[in-house]
C-alpha atoms as a PDB file:
ATOM      1  CA  MET A   1     101.373 101.658 122.889  1.00  0.00           C
ATOM      2  CA  LEU A   2     101.732 105.613 123.286  1.00  0.00           C
ATOM      3  CA  VAL A   3     104.403 107.700 121.641  1.00  0.00           C
ATOM      4  CA  GLU A   4     105.016 111.283 122.847  1.00  0.00           C
ATOM      5  CA  PHE A   5     103.825 113.470 119.398  1.00  0.00           C
ATOM      6  CA  SER A   6     107.412 115.189 119.618  1.00  0.00           C
ATOM      7  CA  GLU A   7     109.364 111.606 119.600  1.00  0.00           C
ATOM      8  CA  LEU A   8     107.482 110.818 116.242  1.00  0.00           C
ATOM      9  CA  PRO A   9     109.420 111.785 112.921  1.00  0.00           C
ATOM     10  CA  GLU A  10     107.950 113.915 110.621  1.00  0.00           C
ATOM     11  CA  THR A  11     105.953 111.510 107.836  1.00  0.00           C
ATOM     12  CA  ALA A  12     104.139 110.020 110.745  1.00  0.00           C
ATOM     13  CA  ARG A  13     103.006 112.839 111.587  1.00  0.00           C
ATOM     14  CA  ILE A  14      98.631 113.291 111.115  1.00  0.00           C
ATOM     15  CA  TRP A  15      97.207 116.706 111.205  1.00  0.00           C
ATOM     16  CA  ILE A  16      93.476 116.491 111.278  1.00  0.00           C
ATOM     17  CA  TYR A  17      91.441 119.704 111.166  1.00  0.00           C
ATOM     18  CA  GLN A  18      87.888 120.073 111.779  1.00  0.00           C
ATOM     19  CA  ALA A  19      85.401 121.882 109.048  1.00  0.00           C
ATOM     20  CA  ASP A  20      82.079 123.299 109.396  1.00  0.00           C
ATOM     21  CA  ARG A  21      80.421 121.822 105.888  1.00  0.00           C
ATOM     22  CA  ASN A  22      81.140 118.556 104.140  1.00  0.00           C
ATOM     23  CA  PHE A  23      83.254 117.291 100.751  1.00  0.00           C
ATOM     24  CA  ASN A  24      81.697 118.608  97.386  1.00  0.00           C
ATOM     25  CA  SER A  25      82.587 115.852  94.716  1.00  0.00           C
ATOM     26  CA  GLU A  26      85.603 117.907  93.462  1.00  0.00           C
ATOM     27  CA  GLU A  27      86.988 117.907  96.858  1.00  0.00           C
ATOM     28  CA  LEU A  28      86.954 114.526  97.223  1.00  0.00           C
ATOM     29  CA  GLN A  29      88.866 113.145  94.009  1.00  0.00           C
ATOM     30  CA  GLU A  30      91.994 115.214  95.399  1.00  0.00           C
END
């Protein structure tokens, strides 16, 4: 099922950001 992004409620939106490194052990615990 396809839904326009603008029609999604705020609680259903996921933002994914690219990183140039892996997470360290402290960041994984957060």
